[in-house]
Amino acid sequence: MHSGQIANFKTESTLDLKKMQKAFNANLKNSIVIKGIEEVEEDFHARYCAKEKTYRYIINNSEFRKCSI
């Protein structure tokens, strides 16, 4: 499960932020939800402006793959 994922994009849309958030959520899979939306500075970049990153690795070292039924 991922949490706190940040994304950014540039747009010339005139939709207000709440309507844009609703439009995104209406078109995304149920497992993905936009919890917040805000306007940021022009030079903001979600990847390069991150203050912290956490990586999680899952290593399956069993003889056989685990089956998810």
N, C-alpha and C. Protein backbone atom coordinates (compact mmCIF):
# COMPACT_ATOMS: atom_id res chain seq x y z
N MET A 1 0.84 -1.18 0.00
CA MET A 1 0.00 0.00 0.00
C MET A 1 0.88 1.24 0.00
N HIS A 2 0.57 2.18 -0.83
CA HIS A 2 1.32 3.43 -0.91
C HIS A 2 0.54 4.52 -0.20
N SER A 3 1.24 5.41 0.41
CA SER A 3 0.55 6.55 1.02
C SER A 3 1.41 7.78 0.88
N GLY A 4 0.77 8.90 0.79
CA GLY A 4 1.50 10.15 0.71
C GLY A 4 2.20 10.37 -0.62
N GLN A 5 1.71 9.78 -1.68
CA GLN A 5 2.31 9.97 -2.99
C GLN A 5 1.94 11.35 -3.52
N ILE A 6 2.93 12.05 -4.06
CA ILE A 6 2.72 13.39 -4.60
C ILE A 6 2.99 13.36 -6.09
N ALA A 7 2.16 14.03 -6.84
CA ALA A 7 2.35 14.16 -8.29
C ALA A 7 2.13 15.63 -8.66
N ASN A 8 2.73 16.03 -9.75
CA ASN A 8 2.48 17.39 -10.22
C ASN A 8 2.37 17.42 -11.74
N PHE A 9 1.68 18.41 -12.24
CA PHE A 9 1.51 18.59 -13.68
C PHE A 9 1.18 20.05 -13.94
N LYS A 10 1.38 20.45 -15.17
CA LYS A 10 1.03 21.81 -15.57
C LYS A 10 -0.25 21.75 -16.38
N THR A 11 -1.12 22.74 -16.18
CA THR A 11 -2.38 22.78 -16.91
C THR A 11 -2.80 24.23 -17.13
N GLU A 12 -3.60 24.42 -18.13
CA GLU A 12 -4.20 25.73 -18.37
C GLU A 12 -5.70 25.68 -18.07
N SER A 13 -6.11 24.64 -17.35
CA SER A 13 -7.51 24.47 -17.01
C SER A 13 -8.00 25.64 -16.14
N THR A 14 -9.26 25.98 -16.29
CA THR A 14 -9.87 27.03 -15.47
C THR A 14 -10.77 26.45 -14.39
N LEU A 15 -10.79 25.11 -14.26
CA LEU A 15 -11.58 24.49 -13.19
C LEU A 15 -11.01 24.89 -11.84
N ASP A 16 -11.91 25.11 -10.87
CA ASP A 16 -11.40 25.36 -9.52
C ASP A 16 -10.88 24.04 -8.96
N LEU A 17 -10.06 24.11 -7.94
CA LEU A 17 -9.35 22.93 -7.44
C LEU A 17 -10.27 21.82 -6.96
N LYS A 18 -11.34 22.15 -6.27
CA LYS A 18 -12.27 21.12 -5.78
C LYS A 18 -12.93 20.38 -6.95
N LYS A 19 -13.33 21.11 -7.98
CA LYS A 19 -13.94 20.46 -9.15
C LYS A 19 -12.92 19.60 -9.88
N MET A 20 -11.67 20.05 -9.94
CA MET A 20 -10.62 19.27 -10.58
C MET A 20 -10.38 17.98 -9.81
N GLN A 21 -10.35 18.07 -8.49
CA GLN A 21 -10.16 16.88 -7.65
C GLN A 21 -11.29 15.88 -7.88
N LYS A 22 -12.52 16.36 -7.91
CA LYS A 22 -13.67 15.48 -8.15
C LYS A 22 -13.59 14.84 -9.53
N ALA A 23 -13.16 15.61 -10.53
CA ALA A 23 -13.04 15.08 -11.89
C ALA A 23 -11.98 13.99 -11.96
N PHE A 24 -10.84 14.20 -11.31
CA PHE A 24 -9.81 13.16 -11.27
C PHE A 24 -10.36 11.90 -10.62
N ASN A 25 -10.93 12.03 -9.44
CA ASN A 25 -11.42 10.87 -8.70
C ASN A 25 -12.52 10.13 -9.45
N ALA A 26 -13.32 10.83 -10.22
CA ALA A 26 -14.38 10.19 -10.99
C ALA A 26 -13.82 9.34 -12.12
N ASN A 27 -12.58 9.61 -12.52
CA ASN A 27 -11.99 8.90 -13.66
C ASN A 27 -10.87 7.95 -13.28
N LEU A 28 -10.58 7.83 -12.00
CA LEU A 28 -9.52 6.92 -11.54
C LEU A 28 -10.11 5.60 -11.05
N LYS A 29 -9.27 4.56 -11.01
CA LYS A 29 -9.68 3.29 -10.42
C LYS A 29 -10.08 3.53 -8.97
N ASN A 30 -10.92 2.68 -8.42
CA ASN A 30 -11.35 2.81 -7.03
C ASN A 30 -10.19 2.71 -6.05
N SER A 31 -9.11 2.05 -6.45
CA SER A 31 -7.96 1.87 -5.55
C SER A 31 -7.06 3.10 -5.49
N ILE A 32 -7.34 4.09 -6.32
CA ILE A 32 -6.54 5.33 -6.35
C ILE A 32 -7.46 6.49 -6.01
N VAL A 33 -7.05 7.31 -5.03
CA VAL A 33 -7.88 8.44 -4.60
C VAL A 33 -7.02 9.68 -4.46
N ILE A 34 -7.49 10.78 -5.01
CA ILE A 34 -6.83 12.08 -4.81
C ILE A 34 -7.41 12.64 -3.51
N LYS A 35 -6.58 12.70 -2.47
CA LYS A 35 -7.03 13.17 -1.16
C LYS A 35 -6.91 14.67 -1.02
N GLY A 36 -6.02 15.27 -1.77
CA GLY A 36 -5.82 16.71 -1.68
C GLY A 36 -5.26 17.24 -2.97
N ILE A 37 -5.53 18.49 -3.24
CA ILE A 37 -5.05 19.12 -4.47
C ILE A 37 -4.76 20.58 -4.15
N GLU A 38 -3.64 21.08 -4.65
CA GLU A 38 -3.30 22.48 -4.40
C GLU A 38 -2.42 23.03 -5.51
N GLU A 39 -2.46 24.30 -5.65
CA GLU A 39 -1.61 24.98 -6.63
C GLU A 39 -0.25 25.23 -5.99
N VAL A 40 0.80 25.03 -6.77
CA VAL A 40 2.16 25.20 -6.26
C VAL A 40 2.95 26.15 -7.16
N GLU A 41 4.14 26.50 -6.70
CA GLU A 41 5.01 27.38 -7.48
C GLU A 41 5.37 26.73 -8.82
N GLU A 42 5.63 27.54 -9.81
CA GLU A 42 5.96 27.07 -11.16
C GLU A 42 7.16 26.12 -11.17
N ASP A 43 8.12 26.34 -10.29
CA ASP A 43 9.34 25.52 -10.30
C ASP A 43 9.26 24.28 -9.40
N PHE A 44 8.09 24.01 -8.81
CA PHE A 44 7.94 22.82 -7.98
C PHE A 44 7.99 21.57 -8.84
N HIS A 45 8.68 20.54 -8.36
CA HIS A 45 8.73 19.24 -9.02
C HIS A 45 8.61 18.17 -7.94
N ALA A 46 7.61 17.31 -8.05
CA ALA A 46 7.32 16.32 -7.01
C ALA A 46 8.53 15.44 -6.70
N ARG A 47 9.29 15.09 -7.69
CA ARG A 47 10.45 14.22 -7.47
C ARG A 47 11.63 14.97 -6.87
N TYR A 48 11.95 16.11 -7.43
CA TYR A 48 13.17 16.82 -7.03
C TYR A 48 12.99 17.71 -5.80
N CYS A 49 11.78 18.04 -5.46
CA CYS A 49 11.53 18.89 -4.29
C CYS A 49 11.14 18.06 -3.05
N ALA A 50 11.22 16.74 -3.16
CA ALA A 50 10.86 15.88 -2.02
C ALA A 50 11.80 16.13 -0.85
N LYS A 51 11.23 16.19 0.34
CA LYS A 51 12.02 16.38 1.56
C LYS A 51 12.46 15.05 2.14
N GLU A 52 11.75 13.99 1.79
CA GLU A 52 12.05 12.67 2.34
C GLU A 52 11.53 11.60 1.37
N LYS A 53 12.25 10.50 1.29
CA LYS A 53 11.81 9.36 0.47
C LYS A 53 11.98 8.10 1.30
N THR A 54 11.04 7.20 1.17
CA THR A 54 11.12 5.91 1.85
C THR A 54 10.97 4.83 0.80
N TYR A 55 11.89 3.90 0.80
CA TYR A 55 11.84 2.79 -0.13
C TYR A 55 11.55 1.51 0.64
N ARG A 56 10.72 0.65 0.07
CA ARG A 56 10.38 -0.61 0.71
C ARG A 56 10.62 -1.72 -0.32
N TYR A 57 11.45 -2.66 0.04
CA TYR A 57 11.75 -3.79 -0.84
C TYR A 57 11.22 -5.06 -0.21
N ILE A 58 10.55 -5.87 -1.00
CA ILE A 58 10.06 -7.16 -0.54
C ILE A 58 10.78 -8.22 -1.35
N ILE A 59 11.51 -9.09 -0.67
CA ILE A 59 12.29 -10.12 -1.33
C ILE A 59 11.69 -11.47 -0.99
N ASN A 60 11.27 -12.19 -2.01
CA ASN A 60 10.73 -13.52 -1.83
C ASN A 60 11.88 -14.50 -2.04
N ASN A 61 12.38 -15.06 -0.96
CA ASN A 61 13.50 -16.00 -1.08
C ASN A 61 13.07 -17.44 -0.82
N SER A 62 11.79 -17.73 -1.00
CA SER A 62 11.32 -19.11 -0.85
C SER A 62 11.58 -19.87 -2.14
N GLU A 63 11.49 -21.18 -2.06
CA GLU A 63 11.77 -22.02 -3.23
C GLU A 63 10.75 -21.79 -4.34
N PHE A 64 9.50 -21.53 -3.96
CA PHE A 64 8.43 -21.33 -4.94
C PHE A 64 7.79 -19.96 -4.76
N ARG A 65 7.25 -19.45 -5.84
CA ARG A 65 6.53 -18.19 -5.76
C ARG A 65 5.29 -18.37 -4.91
N LYS A 66 4.93 -17.34 -4.19
CA LYS A 66 3.70 -17.39 -3.41
C LYS A 66 2.54 -17.05 -4.33
N CYS A 67 1.47 -17.77 -4.17
CA CYS A 67 0.29 -17.59 -5.01
C CYS A 67 -0.72 -16.73 -4.25
N SER A 68 -1.24 -15.70 -4.89
CA SER A 68 -2.25 -14.86 -4.23
C SER A 68 -3.61 -15.22 -4.80
N ILE A 69 -4.31 -16.06 -4.07
CA ILE A 69 -5.65 -16.51 -4.51
C ILE A 69 -6.70 -15.77 -3.75
